[in-house]
Amino acid sequence: MVPHSPFAQLTTGPERLVPFSRVVRQAEVVEAVRQSFPALDMNYTVMTLATAERFFTAMQSKFSEWKIVKGGERKFVVAGGFMNPTPLPMASGKEPWTEIEFLPLQMGEIEPTHGCQLNDDMEFWRSKEKECEELCKERGLACMGSCVAPFRDALDQEVERDLEVQRLARLEGQTVQVLQKEAFFEAAAVAIVPFTKKMELLIGSIGQVLDVDTHFLTAQVKFPKEVVKFPLEALVTLGKGRKGPKGPRPSHLPSPSLCPVLSSEQRSALSSPRFGQCWSACSAKGFWNSAKAGLKTAATLGSNGAWCYTAPAKQKRQLEIGALCLEDDDCQTLAEDPQPEIWSCSDECT
């Protein structure tokens, strides 16, 4: 029971009030609560027995939940801890009795209200082009041109990337030679392949490509005694089935005039942001507002709500695809301070 508290006899069982100072003894936890609630008087702070039990359980637990992020950026918070200090009904200026709650620590994900959505289908924009072909089958080239125009940049990017990825994939089985260090030293860092002494010893060596990673733009190359990963900028092709000299070190180095499999400009083009579609929640309900409130009641934040693809009001897309955006663009939100005369849904909000 709380000594000298007028509320001590009001409840029994799990709702019985106990002093904060009797439950929380760890100095670092007390200091964290003080920093979070500087106006809180610890001498007049209480909690229920149920809250105290949740605190003790959390202090003895370990995190066992993992979040694996695939694709676009996701935002996580560690939600929980002491929160919601609430004055008790009979509190006064001299005795500011306050009840505090505790939420077990959990990992929560915050869902955004708007952004640029990328499609996992690597032929997405070409499928939109086919829809235009069907739509304009009897209307001629003018119809086709105006139908594709809103997403022409995205279509061109998708086609060019696909052709380049197919070219790189055909490197498997090819005989390649390792260029001089100056040709790929920077590329190794970009491709997340640390430049090693082993790489340096293999300069000028000839090997065979076993596998190509078209995401990181690297290749596993088989040499007589080992397999080593190289950035594609480090390699020049010699054709299929061509045999190189025995041993890892040929007597000659590759000619500086030989072109690498991949140039720095080609890597930049393949690594540049992809085009997507602007989208937004139709209102703040169920998104950021509920996420902020959720910190007080739950660890998994956000929720699914009505949304739509969006575009400038004067530029609605024929195929209702929304405005083009790059994957790191924010686009315009309709969830907060919507202005439909400037930016609006390009299709039904569902």
Protein backbone atom coordinates (compact mmCIF):
# COMPACT_ATOMS: atom_id res chain seq x y z
CA MET A 1 0.00 0.00 0.00
CA VAL A 2 1.03 3.60 -0.51
CA PRO A 3 2.02 5.14 2.86
CA HIS A 4 -0.14 8.11 3.83
CA SER A 5 -2.01 7.87 0.54
CA PRO A 6 -5.73 8.70 0.59
CA PHE A 7 -6.18 6.17 -2.24
CA ALA A 8 -4.52 3.17 -0.61
CA GLN A 9 -7.75 1.47 0.52
CA LEU A 10 -9.78 2.22 -2.63
CA THR A 11 -8.77 -0.88 -4.57
CA THR A 12 -7.72 -4.44 -3.99
CA GLY A 13 -6.13 -7.17 -6.12
CA PRO A 14 -4.37 -6.26 -9.41
CA GLU A 15 -5.67 -2.67 -9.25
CA ARG A 16 -4.20 -2.06 -5.82
CA LEU A 17 -1.82 0.92 -5.91
CA VAL A 18 1.86 0.62 -4.97
CA PRO A 19 4.57 3.31 -4.85
CA PHE A 20 6.75 3.78 -7.91
CA SER A 21 9.85 3.96 -5.67
CA ARG A 22 9.08 0.53 -4.16
CA VAL A 23 8.91 -1.09 -7.60
CA VAL A 24 11.60 0.68 -9.64
CA ARG A 25 15.01 0.51 -7.97
CA GLN A 26 17.30 0.68 -11.03
CA ALA A 27 18.88 4.14 -11.14
CA GLU A 28 19.08 4.22 -14.95
CA VAL A 29 15.35 3.46 -15.26
CA VAL A 30 14.40 6.13 -12.71
CA GLU A 31 16.58 8.66 -14.54
CA ALA A 32 14.99 7.76 -17.87
CA VAL A 33 11.52 8.35 -16.43
CA ARG A 34 12.65 11.70 -14.95
CA GLN A 35 13.92 12.83 -18.34
CA SER A 36 10.73 11.72 -20.08
CA PHE A 37 8.43 13.36 -17.49
CA PRO A 38 10.38 16.18 -15.81
CA ALA A 39 7.27 17.55 -14.04
CA LEU A 40 6.49 14.18 -12.44
CA ASP A 41 7.04 14.03 -8.66
CA MET A 42 8.37 10.54 -7.96
CA ASN A 43 7.34 10.75 -4.30
CA TYR A 44 3.70 10.93 -5.33
CA THR A 45 3.82 8.48 -8.27
CA VAL A 46 2.04 5.13 -7.99
CA MET A 47 1.15 2.19 -10.19
CA THR A 48 -1.17 -0.78 -9.97
CA LEU A 49 0.08 -4.22 -8.97
CA ALA A 50 -0.70 -5.38 -12.52
CA THR A 51 1.54 -2.62 -13.93
CA ALA A 52 4.31 -3.57 -11.49
CA GLU A 53 4.08 -7.19 -12.65
CA ARG A 54 4.41 -6.14 -16.30
CA PHE A 55 7.51 -4.10 -15.40
CA PHE A 56 9.19 -6.98 -13.56
CA THR A 57 8.40 -9.37 -16.41
CA ALA A 58 9.89 -6.99 -18.98
CA MET A 59 13.07 -6.53 -16.95
CA GLN A 60 13.65 -10.28 -17.03
CA SER A 61 12.86 -10.78 -20.72
CA LYS A 62 15.03 -10.63 -23.84
CA PHE A 63 14.13 -9.57 -27.36
CA SER A 64 13.20 -12.57 -29.48
CA GLU A 65 11.48 -10.83 -32.40
CA TRP A 66 13.26 -10.00 -35.65
CA LYS A 67 12.08 -7.89 -38.53
CA ILE A 68 13.49 -8.73 -41.96
CA VAL A 69 13.21 -5.80 -44.35
CA LYS A 70 12.75 -6.56 -48.01
CA GLY A 71 12.35 -4.01 -50.74
CA GLY A 72 11.66 -0.40 -49.86
CA GLU A 73 12.47 1.50 -46.75
CA ARG A 74 10.56 0.59 -43.58
CA LYS A 75 10.57 2.43 -40.26
CA PHE A 76 10.61 0.74 -36.88
CA VAL A 77 10.46 1.96 -33.31
CA VAL A 78 10.95 0.24 -29.99
CA ALA A 79 7.66 0.99 -28.28
CA GLY A 80 6.96 0.62 -24.60
CA GLY A 81 8.25 1.63 -21.18
CA PHE A 82 6.62 3.86 -18.60
CA MET A 83 4.01 6.20 -20.08
CA ASN A 84 0.70 7.97 -19.61
CA PRO A 85 1.17 9.60 -16.18
CA THR A 86 -2.40 10.46 -15.12
CA PRO A 87 -3.37 12.54 -12.05
CA LEU A 88 -5.61 10.61 -9.68
CA PRO A 89 -9.06 12.09 -8.92
CA MET A 90 -8.19 13.27 -5.40
CA ALA A 91 -4.78 14.75 -6.29
CA SER A 92 -4.00 18.28 -5.10
CA GLY A 93 -1.26 20.83 -5.56
CA LYS A 94 0.42 19.78 -2.33
CA GLU A 95 -0.04 16.07 -2.97
CA PRO A 96 0.05 15.53 -6.78
CA TRP A 97 -0.72 11.81 -6.71
CA THR A 98 -0.22 10.37 -10.19
CA GLU A 99 -0.71 6.91 -11.61
CA ILE A 100 1.74 5.76 -14.29
CA GLU A 101 1.39 2.86 -16.72
CA PHE A 102 3.93 0.49 -18.23
CA LEU A 103 3.88 -1.15 -21.66
CA PRO A 104 6.22 -4.12 -22.26
CA LEU A 105 8.96 -3.28 -24.73
CA GLN A 106 8.18 -4.46 -28.25
CA MET A 107 9.23 -3.66 -31.78
CA GLY A 108 6.65 -1.76 -33.82
CA GLU A 109 6.47 -0.64 -37.42
CA ILE A 110 5.20 2.79 -38.41
CA GLU A 111 3.22 2.91 -41.61
CA PRO A 112 3.54 6.08 -43.72
CA THR A 113 0.66 8.13 -45.10
CA HIS A 114 2.07 8.63 -48.58
CA GLY A 115 5.05 7.95 -50.79
CA CYS A 116 6.31 6.45 -54.02
CA GLN A 117 5.26 2.85 -54.60
CA LEU A 118 7.56 0.61 -56.62
CA ASN A 119 6.16 -2.45 -58.31
CA ASP A 120 7.91 -5.80 -57.82
CA ASP A 121 6.95 -6.82 -61.35
CA MET A 122 9.99 -6.02 -63.51
CA GLU A 123 7.68 -5.82 -66.56
CA PHE A 124 5.09 -3.56 -64.94
CA TRP A 125 5.41 -0.61 -67.32
CA ARG A 126 5.54 -2.89 -70.36
CA SER A 127 2.24 -4.41 -69.21
CA LYS A 128 0.83 -0.87 -69.12
CA GLU A 129 2.12 -0.38 -72.67
CA LYS A 130 0.23 -3.52 -73.74
CA GLU A 131 -2.94 -2.11 -72.16
CA CYS A 132 -2.43 0.97 -74.31
CA GLU A 133 -2.03 -1.23 -77.39
CA GLU A 134 -5.36 -2.91 -76.67
CA LEU A 135 -7.04 0.41 -75.97
CA CYS A 136 -5.70 2.01 -79.14
CA LYS A 137 -5.98 -1.00 -81.45
CA GLU A 138 -8.49 0.78 -83.68
CA ARG A 139 -7.54 4.38 -82.92
CA GLY A 140 -4.11 4.68 -84.50
CA LEU A 141 -0.64 5.86 -83.51
CA ALA A 142 -1.81 9.19 -82.09
CA CYS A 143 -3.83 7.36 -79.45
CA MET A 144 -0.91 5.08 -78.65
CA GLY A 145 1.47 8.01 -78.24
CA SER A 146 -0.79 9.93 -75.88
CA CYS A 147 -1.59 6.79 -73.91
CA VAL A 148 2.06 5.91 -73.27
CA ALA A 149 3.31 9.48 -72.84
CA PRO A 150 2.46 9.77 -69.10
CA PHE A 151 4.78 6.88 -68.22
CA ARG A 152 7.25 7.00 -71.13
CA ASP A 153 10.27 7.72 -68.89
CA ALA A 154 9.45 4.76 -66.63
CA LEU A 155 8.91 2.48 -69.65
CA ASP A 156 12.23 3.46 -71.23
CA GLN A 157 14.06 2.91 -67.94
CA GLU A 158 12.51 -0.53 -67.47
CA VAL A 159 13.37 -1.68 -71.01
CA GLU A 160 16.94 -0.38 -70.86
CA ARG A 161 17.58 -1.99 -67.48
CA ASP A 162 16.16 -5.31 -68.61
CA LEU A 163 18.35 -5.38 -71.73
CA GLU A 164 21.44 -4.59 -69.65
CA VAL A 165 20.62 -7.23 -67.01
CA GLN A 166 20.12 -9.83 -69.75
CA ARG A 167 23.51 -8.91 -71.23
CA LEU A 168 25.22 -9.31 -67.86
CA ALA A 169 23.46 -12.61 -67.15
CA ARG A 170 24.96 -14.02 -70.36
CA LEU A 171 28.42 -13.62 -68.83
CA GLU A 172 27.98 -16.93 -67.02
CA GLY A 173 30.36 -19.43 -68.58
CA GLN A 174 32.43 -16.71 -70.26
CA THR A 175 36.21 -16.59 -69.98
CA VAL A 176 37.34 -13.32 -68.41
CA GLN A 177 40.57 -11.62 -67.48
CA VAL A 178 41.16 -9.44 -64.43
CA LEU A 179 42.09 -5.85 -65.27
CA GLN A 180 44.69 -3.75 -63.48
CA LYS A 181 43.86 -2.47 -60.00
CA GLU A 182 43.28 1.13 -61.11
CA ALA A 183 40.40 -0.07 -63.27
CA PHE A 184 38.24 -1.30 -60.41
CA PHE A 185 39.57 -0.14 -57.03
CA GLU A 186 36.65 2.31 -56.50
CA ALA A 187 34.13 -0.11 -57.98
CA ALA A 188 35.02 -2.69 -55.34
CA ALA A 189 33.86 -0.33 -52.59
CA VAL A 190 30.61 0.52 -54.41
CA ALA A 191 29.86 -3.16 -55.03
CA ILE A 192 30.48 -3.92 -51.33
CA VAL A 193 33.40 -6.17 -52.27
CA PRO A 194 36.43 -5.18 -50.18
CA PHE A 195 39.59 -4.94 -52.25
CA THR A 196 41.90 -7.67 -50.96
CA LYS A 197 45.46 -8.85 -51.40
CA LYS A 198 44.04 -11.93 -53.11
CA MET A 199 42.44 -9.72 -55.76
CA GLU A 200 45.72 -7.92 -56.33
CA LEU A 201 47.58 -11.22 -56.78
CA LEU A 202 45.05 -12.23 -59.45
CA ILE A 203 45.51 -9.10 -61.60
CA GLY A 204 46.00 -10.25 -65.18
CA SER A 205 44.74 -13.76 -64.41
CA ILE A 206 42.23 -15.56 -66.62
CA GLY A 207 39.24 -17.40 -65.20
CA GLN A 208 35.68 -18.48 -65.91
CA VAL A 209 32.54 -16.76 -64.66
CA LEU A 210 30.48 -19.12 -62.52
CA ASP A 211 27.73 -16.75 -61.40
CA VAL A 212 26.66 -13.12 -61.91
CA ASP A 213 24.88 -11.08 -59.25
CA THR A 214 22.83 -8.57 -61.25
CA HIS A 215 21.85 -6.70 -58.08
CA PHE A 216 25.29 -5.93 -56.67
CA LEU A 217 26.87 -6.24 -60.16
CA THR A 218 29.55 -8.70 -59.18
CA ALA A 219 30.74 -12.04 -60.53
CA GLN A 220 32.11 -15.22 -58.99
CA VAL A 221 35.17 -16.12 -61.08
CA LYS A 222 36.81 -19.55 -61.01
CA PHE A 223 40.60 -19.65 -61.26
CA PRO A 224 42.75 -22.81 -61.26
CA LYS A 225 43.00 -22.92 -57.46
CA GLU A 226 40.18 -20.75 -56.11
CA VAL A 227 36.93 -18.87 -56.70
CA VAL A 228 36.96 -15.11 -56.05
CA LYS A 229 34.23 -12.45 -56.25
CA PHE A 230 35.03 -9.38 -58.37
CA PRO A 231 33.08 -6.24 -59.29
CA LEU A 232 32.19 -6.42 -62.97
CA GLU A 233 34.31 -3.34 -63.68
CA ALA A 234 37.36 -5.50 -62.91
CA LEU A 235 36.75 -7.97 -65.73
CA VAL A 236 37.10 -8.07 -69.49
CA THR A 237 35.58 -10.90 -71.56
CA LEU A 238 37.68 -13.14 -73.76
CA GLY A 239 34.81 -15.25 -75.09
CA LYS A 240 33.41 -18.71 -74.28
CA GLY A 241 35.64 -21.70 -73.81
CA ARG A 242 38.93 -19.88 -74.34
CA LYS A 243 41.66 -21.38 -72.20
CA GLY A 244 44.00 -19.12 -70.31
CA PRO A 245 47.59 -19.83 -69.27
CA LYS A 246 48.18 -22.27 -66.45
CA GLY A 247 48.53 -20.82 -62.98
CA PRO A 248 47.07 -17.67 -61.45
CA ARG A 249 49.68 -15.29 -62.87
CA PRO A 250 50.08 -14.99 -66.65
CA SER A 251 53.28 -13.47 -68.02
CA HIS A 252 51.43 -10.47 -69.46
CA LEU A 253 48.98 -7.95 -68.01
CA PRO A 254 45.74 -7.01 -69.84
CA SER A 255 45.94 -4.23 -72.35
CA PRO A 256 44.70 -0.86 -71.01
CA SER A 257 42.62 -0.53 -74.20
CA LEU A 258 40.38 -3.49 -73.28
CA CYS A 259 36.87 -2.42 -72.20
CA PRO A 260 35.57 -3.79 -68.90
CA VAL A 261 32.37 -5.78 -68.71
CA LEU A 262 30.72 -2.85 -66.92
CA SER A 263 31.61 0.85 -66.85
CA SER A 264 31.09 3.18 -63.89
CA GLU A 265 28.45 5.01 -65.95
CA GLN A 266 26.56 1.76 -66.57
CA ARG A 267 26.68 0.90 -62.86
CA SER A 268 25.28 4.34 -62.02
CA ALA A 269 22.45 3.86 -64.50
CA LEU A 270 21.56 0.42 -63.14
CA SER A 271 21.78 1.65 -59.54
CA SER A 272 19.79 4.85 -60.06
CA PRO A 273 16.35 5.18 -58.40
CA ARG A 274 13.52 3.40 -60.18
CA PHE A 275 10.27 5.04 -61.24
CA GLY A 276 7.13 4.34 -59.23
CA GLN A 277 3.63 5.68 -58.61
CA CYS A 278 2.64 8.38 -56.12
CA TRP A 279 0.10 7.25 -53.54
CA SER A 280 -1.49 8.62 -50.41
CA ALA A 281 -3.86 7.67 -47.64
CA CYS A 282 -7.19 9.39 -48.14
CA SER A 283 -7.29 10.74 -44.59
CA ALA A 284 -5.16 10.86 -41.49
CA LYS A 285 -7.36 8.29 -39.76
CA GLY A 286 -5.62 4.99 -39.37
CA PHE A 287 -2.16 6.26 -40.27
CA TRP A 288 0.16 8.75 -38.57
CA ASN A 289 -2.45 9.99 -36.11
CA SER A 290 -3.26 6.49 -34.93
CA ALA A 291 0.43 5.59 -34.99
CA LYS A 292 1.24 8.38 -32.56
CA ALA A 293 -1.63 7.39 -30.32
CA GLY A 294 -0.58 3.77 -30.67
CA LEU A 295 2.62 4.47 -28.79
CA LYS A 296 0.48 4.68 -25.69
CA THR A 297 -1.45 1.48 -26.23
CA ALA A 298 0.31 -0.88 -28.65
CA ALA A 299 3.70 -1.71 -30.04
CA THR A 300 2.68 -2.54 -33.60
CA LEU A 301 1.91 0.84 -35.08
CA GLY A 302 -0.11 1.99 -38.07
CA SER A 303 -2.96 0.21 -39.81
CA ASN A 304 -4.37 -0.45 -43.21
CA GLY A 305 -6.73 2.22 -44.47
CA ALA A 306 -8.21 3.60 -47.67
CA TRP A 307 -5.64 4.88 -50.16
CA CYS A 308 -5.30 5.79 -53.83
CA TYR A 309 -2.75 6.65 -56.49
CA THR A 310 -2.35 10.40 -56.69
CA ALA A 311 -1.46 13.01 -59.28
CA PRO A 312 -1.64 16.78 -59.79
CA ALA A 313 -5.29 17.67 -60.27
CA LYS A 314 -4.66 18.98 -63.79
CA GLN A 315 -2.63 15.97 -64.90
CA LYS A 316 -4.76 12.91 -64.15
CA ARG A 317 -3.37 9.87 -65.92
CA GLN A 318 -5.35 8.07 -68.62
CA LEU A 319 -4.66 4.69 -67.02
CA GLU A 320 -5.20 5.98 -63.50
CA ILE A 321 -1.64 5.10 -62.57
CA GLY A 322 -0.85 8.20 -60.54
CA ALA A 323 1.99 10.65 -61.06
CA LEU A 324 5.43 9.22 -61.82
CA CYS A 325 7.92 9.49 -58.99
CA LEU A 326 11.35 8.17 -58.07
CA GLU A 327 11.64 5.68 -55.22
CA ASP A 328 13.12 8.26 -52.83
CA ASP A 329 10.44 10.91 -53.53
CA ASP A 330 7.87 11.78 -50.85
CA CYS A 331 5.04 12.73 -53.25
CA GLN A 332 2.09 14.73 -51.93
CA THR A 333 -0.01 13.67 -48.96
CA LEU A 334 -3.79 13.83 -48.94
CA ALA A 335 -3.98 12.65 -45.34
CA GLU A 336 -3.01 16.00 -43.85
CA ASP A 337 -4.41 19.30 -45.12
CA PRO A 338 -5.76 17.88 -48.42
CA GLN A 339 -6.08 20.34 -51.32
CA PRO A 340 -7.93 18.45 -54.08
CA GLU A 341 -7.75 21.43 -56.43
CA ILE A 342 -3.94 21.00 -56.45
CA TRP A 343 -3.35 17.28 -55.85
CA SER A 344 -5.94 14.52 -55.80
CA CYS A 345 -6.68 10.83 -56.24
CA SER A 346 -6.30 9.61 -59.80
CA ASP A 347 -8.57 6.65 -59.11
CA GLU A 348 -11.13 5.55 -56.53
CA CYS A 349 -9.97 5.71 -52.92
CA THR A 350 -10.36 2.21 -51.48
